[in-house]
PDB file of N, CA and C in Angstrom:
ATOM      1  N   MET A   1      34.575  54.614 -31.512  1.00  0.00           N
ATOM      2  CA  MET A   1      33.272  53.991 -31.658  1.00  0.00           C
ATOM      3  C   MET A   1      32.936  53.845 -33.148  1.00  0.00           C
ATOM      4  N   ALA A   2      32.405  52.710 -33.500  1.00  0.00           N
ATOM      5  CA  ALA A   2      32.082  52.442 -34.905  1.00  0.00           C
ATOM      6  C   ALA A   2      30.923  53.328 -35.366  1.00  0.00           C
ATOM      7  N   LYS A   3      31.052  53.792 -36.583  1.00  0.00           N
ATOM      8  CA  LYS A   3      29.969  54.586 -37.161  1.00  0.00           C
ATOM      9  C   LYS A   3      28.853  53.655 -37.603  1.00  0.00           C
ATOM     10  N   LYS A   4      27.669  54.189 -37.689  1.00  0.00           N
ATOM     11  CA  LYS A   4      26.503  53.391 -38.053  1.00  0.00           C
ATOM     12  C   LYS A   4      26.088  53.673 -39.490  1.00  0.00           C
ATOM     13  N   GLN A   5      25.430  52.673 -40.072  1.00  0.00           N
ATOM     14  CA  GLN A   5      24.996  52.766 -41.463  1.00  0.00           C
ATOM     15  C   GLN A   5      24.146  54.018 -41.696  1.00  0.00           C
ATOM     16  N   GLU A   6      23.335  54.391 -40.703  1.00  0.00           N
ATOM     17  CA  GLU A   6      22.459  55.560 -40.860  1.00  0.00           C
ATOM     18  C   GLU A   6      23.244  56.852 -41.020  1.00  0.00           C
ATOM     19  N   GLU A   7      24.540  56.823 -40.654  1.00  0.00           N
ATOM     20  CA  GLU A   7      25.369  58.024 -40.733  1.00  0.00           C
ATOM     21  C   GLU A   7      26.028  58.211 -42.102  1.00  0.00           C
ATOM     22  N   LEU A   8      25.862  57.248 -42.996  1.00  0.00           N
ATOM     23  CA  LEU A   8      26.436  57.377 -44.335  1.00  0.00           C
ATOM     24  C   LEU A   8      25.749  58.498 -45.098  1.00  0.00           C
ATOM     25  N   THR A   9      26.489  59.161 -45.978  1.00  0.00           N
ATOM     26  CA  THR A   9      25.877  60.244 -46.756  1.00  0.00           C
ATOM     27  C   THR A   9      25.157  59.734 -48.001  1.00  0.00           C
ATOM     28  N   ASN A  10      25.575  58.584 -48.535  1.00  0.00           N
ATOM     29  CA  ASN A  10      24.948  58.024 -49.729  1.00  0.00           C
ATOM     30  C   ASN A  10      23.630  57.356 -49.330  1.00  0.00           C
ATOM     31  N   GLU A  11      22.536  57.903 -49.818  1.00  0.00           N
ATOM     32  CA  GLU A  11      21.215  57.408 -49.408  1.00  0.00           C
ATOM     33  C   GLU A  11      20.977  55.954 -49.807  1.00  0.00           C
ATOM     34  N   ALA A  12      21.472  55.556 -50.966  1.00  0.00           N
ATOM     35  CA  ALA A  12      21.259  54.178 -51.428  1.00  0.00           C
ATOM     36  C   ALA A  12      21.877  53.172 -50.458  1.00  0.00           C
ATOM     37  N   VAL A  13      23.111  53.403 -50.045  1.00  0.00           N
ATOM     38  CA  VAL A  13      23.753  52.460 -49.122  1.00  0.00           C
ATOM     39  C   VAL A  13      23.229  52.627 -47.702  1.00  0.00           C
ATOM     40  N   ARG A  14      22.811  53.828 -47.370  1.00  0.00           N
ATOM     41  CA  ARG A  14      22.246  54.068 -46.034  1.00  0.00           C
ATOM     42  C   ARG A  14      20.987  53.228 -45.822  1.00  0.00           C
ATOM     43  N   ASN A  15      20.219  53.028 -46.877  1.00  0.00           N
ATOM     44  CA  ASN A  15      18.948  52.301 -46.776  1.00  0.00           C
ATOM     45  C   ASN A  15      19.028  50.854 -47.247  1.00  0.00           C
ATOM     46  N   TYR A  16      20.201  50.382 -47.598  1.00  0.00           N
ATOM     47  CA  TYR A  16      20.372  49.044 -48.173  1.00  0.00           C
ATOM     48  C   TYR A  16      20.416  47.970 -47.086  1.00  0.00           C
ATOM     49  N   ALA A  17      19.800  46.832 -47.370  1.00  0.00           N
ATOM     50  CA  ALA A  17      19.821  45.689 -46.443  1.00  0.00           C
ATOM     51  C   ALA A  17      21.018  44.800 -46.789  1.00  0.00           C
ATOM     52  N   PHE A  18      22.158  45.084 -46.170  1.00  0.00           N
ATOM     53  CA  PHE A  18      23.369  44.314 -46.436  1.00  0.00           C
ATOM     54  C   PHE A  18      23.226  42.875 -45.957  1.00  0.00           C
ATOM     55  N   LEU A  19      23.752  41.944 -46.754  1.00  0.00           N
ATOM     56  CA  LEU A  19      23.810  40.513 -46.439  1.00  0.00           C
ATOM     57  C   LEU A  19      22.445  39.929 -46.070  1.00  0.00           C
ATOM     58  N   LYS A  20      21.423  40.436 -46.726  1.00  0.00           N
ATOM     59  CA  LYS A  20      20.039  40.030 -46.436  1.00  0.00           C
ATOM     60  C   LYS A  20      19.843  38.517 -46.472  1.00  0.00           C
ATOM     61  N   GLU A  21      20.355  37.867 -47.504  1.00  0.00           N
ATOM     62  CA  GLU A  21      20.161  36.416 -47.635  1.00  0.00           C
ATOM     63  C   GLU A  21      20.857  35.655 -46.510  1.00  0.00           C
ATOM     64  N   MET A  22      21.984  36.163 -46.048  1.00  0.00           N
ATOM     65  CA  MET A  22      22.688  35.496 -44.950  1.00  0.00           C
ATOM     66  C   MET A  22      21.924  35.652 -43.644  1.00  0.00           C
ATOM     67  N   TYR A  23      21.329  36.819 -43.427  1.00  0.00           N
ATOM     68  CA  TYR A  23      20.509  37.012 -42.224  1.00  0.00           C
ATOM     69  C   TYR A  23      19.290  36.096 -42.239  1.00  0.00           C
ATOM     70  N   GLU A  24      18.778  35.819 -43.435  1.00  0.00           N
ATOM     71  CA  GLU A  24      17.558  34.999 -43.555  1.00  0.00           C
ATOM     72  C   GLU A  24      17.838  33.504 -43.432  1.00  0.00           C
ATOM     73  N   ASP A  25      19.109  33.098 -43.423  1.00  0.00           N
ATOM     74  CA  ASP A  25      19.485  31.687 -43.368  1.00  0.00           C
ATOM     75  C   ASP A  25      20.115  31.390 -42.006  1.00  0.00           C
ATOM     76  N   SER A  26      19.487  30.534 -41.234  1.00  0.00           N
ATOM     77  CA  SER A  26      19.960  30.251 -39.872  1.00  0.00           C
ATOM     78  C   SER A  26      21.322  29.555 -39.842  1.00  0.00           C
ATOM     79  N   TYR A  27      21.807  29.079 -40.989  1.00  0.00           N
ATOM     80  CA  TYR A  27      23.133  28.472 -41.067  1.00  0.00           C
ATOM     81  C   TYR A  27      24.223  29.476 -40.696  1.00  0.00           C
ATOM     82  N   PHE A  28      23.943  30.747 -40.912  1.00  0.00           N
ATOM     83  CA  PHE A  28      24.903  31.812 -40.636  1.00  0.00           C
ATOM     84  C   PHE A  28      24.523  32.520 -39.339  1.00  0.00           C
ATOM     85  N   PRO A  29      25.355  32.414 -38.304  1.00  0.00           N
ATOM     86  CA  PRO A  29      25.042  33.094 -37.035  1.00  0.00           C
ATOM     87  C   PRO A  29      24.958  34.606 -37.230  1.00  0.00           C
ATOM     88  N   ASN A  30      23.877  35.198 -36.736  1.00  0.00           N
ATOM     89  CA  ASN A  30      23.663  36.638 -36.914  1.00  0.00           C
ATOM     90  C   ASN A  30      24.830  37.475 -36.412  1.00  0.00           C
ATOM     91  N   LYS A  31      25.448  37.062 -35.294  1.00  0.00           N
ATOM     92  CA  LYS A  31      26.554  37.875 -34.760  1.00  0.00           C
ATOM     93  C   LYS A  31      27.729  37.914 -35.743  1.00  0.00           C
ATOM     94  N   LEU A  32      27.915  36.849 -36.525  1.00  0.00           N
ATOM     95  CA  LEU A  32      28.980  36.850 -37.521  1.00  0.00           C
ATOM     96  C   LEU A  32      28.553  37.600 -38.781  1.00  0.00           C
ATOM     97  N   VAL A  33      27.290  37.476 -39.142  1.00  0.00           N
ATOM     98  CA  VAL A  33      26.783  38.250 -40.285  1.00  0.00           C
ATOM     99  C   VAL A  33      26.866  39.741 -39.945  1.00  0.00           C
ATOM    100  N   ASP A  34      26.616  40.074 -38.669  1.00  0.00           N
ATOM    101  CA  ASP A  34      26.762  41.470 -38.231  1.00  0.00           C
ATOM    102  C   ASP A  34      28.184  41.971 -38.481  1.00  0.00           C
ATOM    103  N   LYS A  35      29.174  41.106 -38.235  1.00  0.00           N
ATOM    104  CA  LYS A  35      30.573  41.495 -38.486  1.00  0.00           C
ATOM    105  C   LYS A  35      30.804  41.715 -39.978  1.00  0.00           C
ATOM    106  N   GLY A  36      30.205  40.862 -40.809  1.00  0.00           N
ATOM    107  CA  GLY A  36      30.317  41.044 -42.249  1.00  0.00           C
ATOM    108  C   GLY A  36      29.665  42.334 -42.702  1.00  0.00           C
ATOM    109  N   LYS A  37      28.504  42.612 -42.147  1.00  0.00           N
ATOM    110  CA  LYS A  37      27.812  43.866 -42.478  1.00  0.00           C
ATOM    111  C   LYS A  37      28.676  45.058 -42.067  1.00  0.00           C
ATOM    112  N   ALA A  38      29.303  44.958 -40.908  1.00  0.00           N
ATOM    113  CA  ALA A  38      30.161  46.054 -40.440  1.00  0.00           C
ATOM    114  C   ALA A  38      31.328  46.280 -41.405  1.00  0.00           C
ATOM    115  N   ILE A  39      31.852  45.210 -41.983  1.00  0.00           N
ATOM    116  CA  ILE A  39      32.928  45.339 -42.971  1.00  0.00           C
ATOM    117  C   ILE A  39      32.431  46.131 -44.187  1.00  0.00           C
ATOM    118  N   LEU A  40      31.228  45.785 -44.663  1.00  0.00           N
ATOM    119  CA  LEU A  40      30.680  46.472 -45.841  1.00  0.00           C
ATOM    120  C   LEU A  40      30.327  47.925 -45.537  1.00  0.00           C
ATOM    121  N   VAL A  41      29.752  48.171 -44.374  1.00  0.00           N
ATOM    122  CA  VAL A  41      29.432  49.552 -43.985  1.00  0.00           C
ATOM    123  C   VAL A  41      30.735  50.340 -43.828  1.00  0.00           C
ATOM    124  N   GLY A  42      31.746  49.703 -43.246  1.00  0.00           N
ATOM    125  CA  GLY A  42      33.049  50.349 -43.113  1.00  0.00           C
ATOM    126  C   GLY A  42      33.651  50.694 -44.467  1.00  0.00           C
ATOM    127  N   LEU A  43      33.463  49.804 -45.434  1.00  0.00           N
ATOM    128  CA  LEU A  43      33.913  50.071 -46.800  1.00  0.00           C
ATOM    129  C   LEU A  43      33.230  51.330 -47.342  1.00  0.00           C
ATOM    130  N   CYS A  44      31.957  51.451 -47.106  1.00  0.00           N
ATOM    131  CA  CYS A  44      31.214  52.640 -47.569  1.00  0.00           C
ATOM    132  C   CYS A  44      31.794  53.910 -46.945  1.00  0.00           C
ATOM    133  N   PHE A  45      32.080  53.863 -45.645  1.00  0.00           N
ATOM    134  CA  PHE A  45      32.679  55.036 -44.999  1.00  0.00           C
ATOM    135  C   PHE A  45      34.041  55.359 -45.597  1.00  0.00           C
ATOM    136  N   LYS A  46      34.839  54.321 -45.903  1.00  0.00           N
ATOM    137  CA  LYS A  46      36.154  54.542 -46.523  1.00  0.00           C
ATOM    138  C   LYS A  46      35.995  55.209 -47.887  1.00  0.00           C
ATOM    139  N   ILE A  47      35.017  54.728 -48.656  1.00  0.00           N
ATOM    140  CA  ILE A  47      34.777  55.319 -49.981  1.00  0.00           C
ATOM    141  C   ILE A  47      34.365  56.785 -49.831  1.00  0.00           C
ATOM    142  N   GLU A  48      33.494  57.060 -48.873  1.00  0.00           N
ATOM    143  CA  GLU A  48      33.049  58.440 -48.670  1.00  0.00           C
ATOM    144  C   GLU A  48      34.186  59.326 -48.176  1.00  0.00           C
ATOM    145  N   GLN A  49      35.063  58.758 -47.373  1.00  0.00           N
ATOM    146  CA  GLN A  49      36.192  59.520 -46.831  1.00  0.00           C
ATOM    147  C   GLN A  49      37.274  59.755 -47.878  1.00  0.00           C
ATOM    148  N   LYS A  50      37.667  58.692 -48.581  1.00  0.00           N
ATOM    149  CA  LYS A  50      38.793  58.778 -49.526  1.00  0.00           C
ATOM    150  C   LYS A  50      38.372  59.249 -50.913  1.00  0.00           C
ATOM    151  N   GLN A  51      37.092  59.070 -51.244  1.00  0.00           N
ATOM    152  CA  GLN A  51      36.550  59.473 -52.542  1.00  0.00           C
ATOM    153  C   GLN A  51      37.436  59.027 -53.709  1.00  0.00           C
ATOM    154  N   PRO A  52      37.537  57.711 -53.917  1.00  0.00           N
ATOM    155  CA  PRO A  52      38.362  57.211 -55.029  1.00  0.00           C
ATOM    156  C   PRO A  52      37.854  57.741 -56.366  1.00  0.00           C
ATOM    157  N   LYS A  53      38.806  58.065 -57.233  1.00  0.00           N
ATOM    158  CA  LYS A  53      38.461  58.619 -58.549  1.00  0.00           C
ATOM    159  C   LYS A  53      38.565  57.574 -59.655  1.00  0.00           C
ATOM    160  N   THR A  54      39.358  56.529 -59.420  1.00  0.00           N
ATOM    161  CA  THR A  54      39.567  55.513 -60.446  1.00  0.00           C
ATOM    162  C   THR A  54      39.167  54.145 -59.903  1.00  0.00           C
ATOM    163  N   LEU A  55      38.987  53.202 -60.814  1.00  0.00           N
ATOM    164  CA  LEU A  55      38.689  51.834 -60.395  1.00  0.00           C
ATOM    165  C   LEU A  55      39.827  51.255 -59.569  1.00  0.00           C
ATOM    166  N   ASP A  56      41.071  51.559 -59.936  1.00  0.00           N
ATOM    167  CA  ASP A  56      42.198  51.041 -59.161  1.00  0.00           C
ATOM    168  C   ASP A  56      42.160  51.531 -57.719  1.00  0.00           C
ATOM    169  N   GLU A  57      41.797  52.794 -57.536  1.00  0.00           N
ATOM    170  CA  GLU A  57      41.673  53.326 -56.174  1.00  0.00           C
ATOM    171  C   GLU A  57      40.537  52.632 -55.429  1.00  0.00           C
ATOM    172  N   LEU A  58      39.432  52.384 -56.118  1.00  0.00           N
ATOM    173  CA  LEU A  58      38.305  51.671 -55.509  1.00  0.00           C
ATOM    174  C   LEU A  58      38.717  50.243 -55.147  1.00  0.00           C
ATOM    175  N   TYR A  59      39.398  49.563 -56.072  1.00  0.00           N
ATOM    176  CA  TYR A  59      39.790  48.174 -55.833  1.00  0.00           C
ATOM    177  C   TYR A  59      40.706  48.053 -54.619  1.00  0.00           C
ATOM    178  N   LYS A  60      41.551  49.031 -54.371  1.00  0.00           N
ATOM    179  CA  LYS A  60      42.399  48.989 -53.165  1.00  0.00           C
ATOM    180  C   LYS A  60      41.515  48.940 -51.919  1.00  0.00           C
ATOM    181  N   LEU A  61      40.457  49.713 -51.919  1.00  0.00           N
ATOM    182  CA  LEU A  61      39.549  49.744 -50.765  1.00  0.00           C
ATOM    183  C   LEU A  61      38.749  48.443 -50.652  1.00  0.00           C
ATOM    184  N   THR A  62      38.258  47.942 -51.790  1.00  0.00           N
ATOM    185  CA  THR A  62      37.464  46.713 -51.733  1.00  0.00           C
ATOM    186  C   THR A  62      38.328  45.509 -51.393  1.00  0.00           C
ATOM    187  N   HIS A  63      39.573  45.515 -51.818  1.00  0.00           N
ATOM    188  CA  HIS A  63      40.470  44.403 -51.483  1.00  0.00           C
ATOM    189  C   HIS A  63      40.758  44.376 -49.987  1.00  0.00           C
ATOM    190  N   ALA A  64      40.918  45.539 -49.380  1.00  0.00           N
ATOM    191  CA  ALA A  64      41.136  45.603 -47.931  1.00  0.00           C
ATOM    192  C   ALA A  64      39.916  45.050 -47.193  1.00  0.00           C
ATOM    193  N   ALA A  65      38.717  45.390 -47.682  1.00  0.00           N
ATOM    194  CA  ALA A  65      37.486  44.869 -47.076  1.00  0.00           C
ATOM    195  C   ALA A  65      37.367  43.361 -47.301  1.00  0.00           C
ATOM    196  N   THR A  66      37.745  42.901 -48.482  1.00  0.00           N
ATOM    197  CA  THR A  66      37.719  41.461 -48.785  1.00  0.00           C
ATOM    198  C   THR A  66      38.651  40.708 -47.845  1.00  0.00           C
ATOM    199  N   ASP A  67      39.812  41.283 -47.578  1.00  0.00           N
ATOM    200  CA  ASP A  67      40.764  40.655 -46.658  1.00  0.00           C
ATOM    201  C   ASP A  67      40.152  40.498 -45.266  1.00  0.00           C
ATOM    202  N   LYS A  68      39.323  41.446 -44.872  1.00  0.00           N
ATOM    203  CA  LYS A  68      38.641  41.341 -43.567  1.00  0.00           C
ATOM    204  C   LYS A  68      37.647  40.177 -43.579  1.00  0.00           C
ATOM    205  N   PHE A  69      36.971  39.960 -44.705  1.00  0.00           N
ATOM    206  CA  PHE A  69      36.102  38.782 -44.825  1.00  0.00           C
ATOM    207  C   PHE A  69      36.943  37.509 -44.757  1.00  0.00           C
ATOM    208  N   ASN A  70      38.128  37.526 -45.363  1.00  0.00           N
ATOM    209  CA  ASN A  70      39.018  36.363 -45.279  1.00  0.00           C
ATOM    210  C   ASN A  70      39.306  36.031 -43.818  1.00  0.00           C
ATOM    211  N   ASP A  71      39.576  37.065 -43.030  1.00  0.00           N
ATOM    212  CA  ASP A  71      39.874  36.871 -41.609  1.00  0.00           C
ATOM    213  C   ASP A  71      38.666  36.360 -40.831  1.00  0.00           C
ATOM    214  N   LEU A  72      37.479  36.677 -41.310  1.00  0.00           N
ATOM    215  CA  LEU A  72      36.237  36.283 -40.634  1.00  0.00           C
ATOM    216  C   LEU A  72      35.906  34.803 -40.844  1.00  0.00           C
ATOM    217  N   GLN A  73      36.504  34.194 -41.844  1.00  0.00           N
ATOM    218  CA  GLN A  73      36.204  32.789 -42.150  1.00  0.00           C
ATOM    219  C   GLN A  73      36.385  31.862 -40.962  1.00  0.00           C
ATOM    220  N   SER A  74      37.469  32.045 -40.222  1.00  0.00           N
ATOM    221  CA  SER A  74      37.731  31.144 -39.095  1.00  0.00           C
ATOM    222  C   SER A  74      36.635  31.249 -38.033  1.00  0.00           C
ATOM    223  N   ASP A  75      36.076  32.442 -37.856  1.00  0.00           N
ATOM    224  CA  ASP A  75      34.968  32.605 -36.907  1.00  0.00           C
ATOM    225  C   ASP A  75      33.750  31.795 -37.361  1.00  0.00           C
ATOM    226  N   PHE A  76      33.499  31.795 -38.665  1.00  0.00           N
ATOM    227  CA  PHE A  76      32.381  30.999 -39.189  1.00  0.00           C
ATOM    228  C   PHE A  76      32.632  29.512 -38.950  1.00  0.00           C
ATOM    229  N   TYR A  77      33.853  29.048 -39.203  1.00  0.00           N
ATOM    230  CA  TYR A  77      34.182  27.632 -38.976  1.00  0.00           C
ATOM    231  C   TYR A  77      33.963  27.252 -37.519  1.00  0.00           C
ATOM    232  N   GLU A  78      34.393  28.111 -36.609  1.00  0.00           N
ATOM    233  CA  GLU A  78      34.227  27.835 -35.178  1.00  0.00           C
ATOM    234  C   GLU A  78      32.759  27.752 -34.792  1.00  0.00           C
ATOM    235  N   ALA A  79      31.899  28.411 -35.544  1.00  0.00           N
ATOM    236  CA  ALA A  79      30.457  28.400 -35.274  1.00  0.00           C
ATOM    237  C   ALA A  79      29.742  27.334 -36.117  1.00  0.00           C
ATOM    238  N   ASP A  80      30.506  26.363 -36.646  1.00  0.00           N
ATOM    239  CA  ASP A  80      29.944  25.303 -37.500  1.00  0.00           C
ATOM    240  C   ASP A  80      29.211  25.868 -38.703  1.00  0.00           C
ATOM    241  N   SER A  81      29.792  26.889 -39.284  1.00  0.00           N
ATOM    242  CA  SER A  81      29.257  27.526 -40.484  1.00  0.00           C
ATOM    243  C   SER A  81      30.456  27.801 -41.394  1.00  0.00           C
ATOM    244  N   GLU A  82      30.204  28.346 -42.548  1.00  0.00           N
ATOM    245  CA  GLU A  82      31.297  28.745 -43.433  1.00  0.00           C
ATOM    246  C   GLU A  82      30.785  29.706 -44.488  1.00  0.00           C
ATOM    247  N   ILE A  83      31.726  30.412 -45.092  1.00  0.00           N
ATOM    248  CA  ILE A  83      31.386  31.287 -46.211  1.00  0.00           C
ATOM    249  C   ILE A  83      31.363  30.389 -47.442  1.00  0.00           C
ATOM    250  N   GLU A  84      30.193  29.810 -47.698  1.00  0.00           N
ATOM    251  CA  GLU A  84      30.036  28.867 -48.800  1.00  0.00           C
ATOM    252  C   GLU A  84      29.375  29.553 -49.989  1.00  0.00           C
ATOM    253  N   THR A  85      28.952  28.780 -50.954  1.00  0.00           N
ATOM    254  CA  THR A  85      28.488  29.323 -52.236  1.00  0.00           C
ATOM    255  C   THR A  85      27.435  30.424 -52.085  1.00  0.00           C
ATOM    256  N   GLY A  86      26.394  30.173 -51.318  1.00  0.00           N
ATOM    257  CA  GLY A  86      25.343  31.179 -51.142  1.00  0.00           C
ATOM    258  C   GLY A  86      25.878  32.448 -50.504  1.00  0.00           C
ATOM    259  N   ALA A  87      26.712  32.278 -49.500  1.00  0.00           N
ATOM    260  CA  ALA A  87      27.299  33.440 -48.824  1.00  0.00           C
ATOM    261  C   ALA A  87      28.230  34.196 -49.762  1.00  0.00           C
ATOM    262  N   ARG A  88      29.041  33.463 -50.510  1.00  0.00           N
ATOM    263  CA  ARG A  88      29.971  34.106 -51.455  1.00  0.00           C
ATOM    264  C   ARG A  88      29.208  34.981 -52.443  1.00  0.00           C
ATOM    265  N   GLU A  89      28.111  34.425 -52.962  1.00  0.00           N
ATOM    266  CA  GLU A  89      27.314  35.176 -53.931  1.00  0.00           C
ATOM    267  C   GLU A  89      26.696  36.420 -53.295  1.00  0.00           C
ATOM    268  N   CYS A  90      26.152  36.245 -52.102  1.00  0.00           N
ATOM    269  CA  CYS A  90      25.532  37.350 -51.375  1.00  0.00           C
ATOM    270  C   CYS A  90      26.552  38.465 -51.120  1.00  0.00           C
ATOM    271  N   ILE A  91      27.723  38.096 -50.643  1.00  0.00           N
ATOM    272  CA  ILE A  91      28.777  39.073 -50.345  1.00  0.00           C
ATOM    273  C   ILE A  91      29.222  39.778 -51.629  1.00  0.00           C
ATOM    274  N   ALA A  92      29.449  39.010 -52.688  1.00  0.00           N
ATOM    275  CA  ALA A  92      29.908  39.585 -53.957  1.00  0.00           C
ATOM    276  C   ALA A  92      28.886  40.573 -54.511  1.00  0.00           C
ATOM    277  N   VAL A  93      27.614  40.207 -54.454  1.00  0.00           N
ATOM    278  CA  VAL A  93      26.553  41.097 -54.945  1.00  0.00           C
ATOM    279  C   VAL A  93      26.544  42.398 -54.145  1.00  0.00           C
ATOM    280  N   ASP A  94      26.763  42.302 -52.833  1.00  0.00           N
ATOM    281  CA  ASP A  94      26.770  43.510 -52.017  1.00  0.00           C
ATOM    282  C   ASP A  94      27.987  44.391 -52.324  1.00  0.00           C
ATOM    283  N   PHE A  95      29.138  43.778 -52.595  1.00  0.00           N
ATOM    284  CA  PHE A  95      30.299  44.573 -53.023  1.00  0.00           C
ATOM    285  C   PHE A  95      29.967  45.302 -54.327  1.00  0.00           C
ATOM    286  N   ALA A  96      29.334  44.611 -55.268  1.00  0.00           N
ATOM    287  CA  ALA A  96      28.963  45.222 -56.546  1.00  0.00           C
ATOM    288  C   ALA A  96      27.946  46.345 -56.339  1.00  0.00           C
ATOM    289  N   PHE A  97      26.993  46.127 -55.426  1.00  0.00           N
ATOM    290  CA  PHE A  97      26.016  47.175 -55.121  1.00  0.00           C
ATOM    291  C   PHE A  97      26.719  48.432 -54.609  1.00  0.00           C
ATOM    292  N   VAL A  98      27.652  48.245 -53.680  1.00  0.00           N
ATOM    293  CA  VAL A  98      28.377  49.381 -53.108  1.00  0.00           C
ATOM    294  C   VAL A  98      29.119  50.142 -54.210  1.00  0.00           C
ATOM    295  N   ALA A  99      29.833  49.423 -55.048  1.00  0.00           N
ATOM    296  CA  ALA A  99      30.569  50.082 -56.135  1.00  0.00           C
ATOM    297  C   ALA A  99      29.615  50.896 -57.011  1.00  0.00           C
ATOM    298  N   GLY A 100      28.503  50.275 -57.396  1.00  0.00           N
ATOM    299  CA  GLY A 100      27.525  50.966 -58.237  1.00  0.00           C
ATOM    300  C   GLY A 100      26.898  52.167 -57.555  1.00  0.00           C
ATOM    301  N   ALA A 101      26.643  52.036 -56.260  1.00  0.00           N
ATOM    302  CA  ALA A 101      26.021  53.134 -55.515  1.00  0.00           C
ATOM    303  C   ALA A 101      26.921  54.365 -55.473  1.00  0.00           C
ATOM    304  N   TYR A 102      28.226  54.138 -55.598  1.00  0.00           N
ATOM    305  CA  TYR A 102      29.166  55.259 -55.604  1.00  0.00           C
ATOM    306  C   TYR A 102      29.631  55.625 -57.014  1.00  0.00           C
ATOM    307  N   GLY A 103      28.893  55.128 -58.017  1.00  0.00           N
ATOM    308  CA  GLY A 103      29.107  55.570 -59.383  1.00  0.00           C
ATOM    309  C   GLY A 103      30.154  54.808 -60.180  1.00  0.00           C
ATOM    310  N   PHE A 104      30.550  53.631 -59.696  1.00  0.00           N
ATOM    311  CA  PHE A 104      31.560  52.847 -60.415  1.00  0.00           C
ATOM    312  C   PHE A 104      30.922  51.681 -61.149  1.00  0.00           C
ATOM    313  N   GLU A 105      31.397  51.440 -62.360  1.00  0.00           N
ATOM    314  CA  GLU A 105      31.053  50.214 -63.085  1.00  0.00           C
ATOM    315  C   GLU A 105      32.249  49.298 -62.931  1.00  0.00           C
ATOM    316  N   ALA A 106      32.210  48.494 -61.888  1.00  0.00           N
ATOM    317  CA  ALA A 106      33.365  47.673 -61.530  1.00  0.00           C
ATOM    318  C   ALA A 106      33.125  46.211 -61.868  1.00  0.00           C
ATOM    319  N   ASP A 107      34.197  45.507 -62.115  1.00  0.00           N
ATOM    320  CA  ASP A 107      34.138  44.066 -62.344  1.00  0.00           C
ATOM    321  C   ASP A 107      33.964  43.384 -60.990  1.00  0.00           C
ATOM    322  N   ILE A 108      32.904  42.601 -60.858  1.00  0.00           N
ATOM    323  CA  ILE A 108      32.574  41.985 -59.568  1.00  0.00           C
ATOM    324  C   ILE A 108      33.705  41.084 -59.070  1.00  0.00           C
ATOM    325  N   GLU A 109      34.344  40.355 -59.974  1.00  0.00           N
ATOM    326  CA  GLU A 109      35.445  39.478 -59.562  1.00  0.00           C
ATOM    327  C   GLU A 109      36.654  40.291 -59.113  1.00  0.00           C
ATOM    328  N   GLU A 110      36.885  41.415 -59.748  1.00  0.00           N
ATOM    329  CA  GLU A 110      38.025  42.251 -59.361  1.00  0.00           C
ATOM    330  C   GLU A 110      37.768  42.932 -58.009  1.00  0.00           C
ATOM    331  N   LEU A 111      36.515  43.251 -57.727  1.00  0.00           N
ATOM    332  CA  LEU A 111      36.191  43.868 -56.436  1.00  0.00           C
ATOM    333  C   LEU A 111      36.636  42.991 -55.274  1.00  0.00           C
ATOM    334  N   ILE A 112      36.496  41.674 -55.456  1.00  0.00           N
ATOM    335  CA  ILE A 112      36.803  40.726 -54.375  1.00  0.00           C
ATOM    336  C   ILE A 112      37.956  39.806 -54.769  1.00  0.00           C
ATOM    337  N   ALA A 113      38.870  40.313 -55.574  1.00  0.00           N
ATOM    338  CA  ALA A 113      39.950  39.488 -56.134  1.00  0.00           C
ATOM    339  C   ALA A 113      40.845  38.846 -55.068  1.00  0.00           C
ATOM    340  N   THR A 114      40.937  39.453 -53.895  1.00  0.00           N
ATOM    341  CA  THR A 114      41.830  38.908 -52.856  1.00  0.00           C
ATOM    342  C   THR A 114      41.129  37.867 -51.976  1.00  0.00           C
ATOM    343  N   ARG A 115      39.923  37.482 -52.332  1.00  0.00           N
ATOM    344  CA  ARG A 115      39.182  36.544 -51.476  1.00  0.00           C
ATOM    345  C   ARG A 115      39.811  35.157 -51.482  1.00  0.00           C
ATOM    346  N   ASP A 116      39.684  34.472 -50.346  1.00  0.00           N
ATOM    347  CA  ASP A 116      40.085  33.079 -50.296  1.00  0.00           C
ATOM    348  C   ASP A 116      38.931  32.229 -49.766  1.00  0.00           C
ATOM    349  N   TRP A 117      37.723  32.662 -50.086  1.00  0.00           N
ATOM    350  CA  TRP A 117      36.508  31.941 -49.721  1.00  0.00           C
ATOM    351  C   TRP A 117      35.698  31.670 -50.958  1.00  0.00           C
TER     352      TRP A 117
END
């Protein structure tokens, strides 16, 4: 069973509104935004579990999460939506928020370097 955001130990991410702009835009189906949110919450659990010490260790985790967003693209296309400019920015900002919440000063482009959206 998937863990819930409320179960995270980091208070900042526990209380954060992930993908807020995407939820507020009807162009993005909520059920797909929910999947994106689950990817980001899952990333937080991975960070809490693995406790990366270096940026390279963090980037391995964020790249795996980015790859999951890559896989989600086809679902958006099927729903007559896509991960376009606004969504890309929203997702990237949330990746940067997560990194910062766990004490990393990470390069936003490097966090999502494996993206194809």
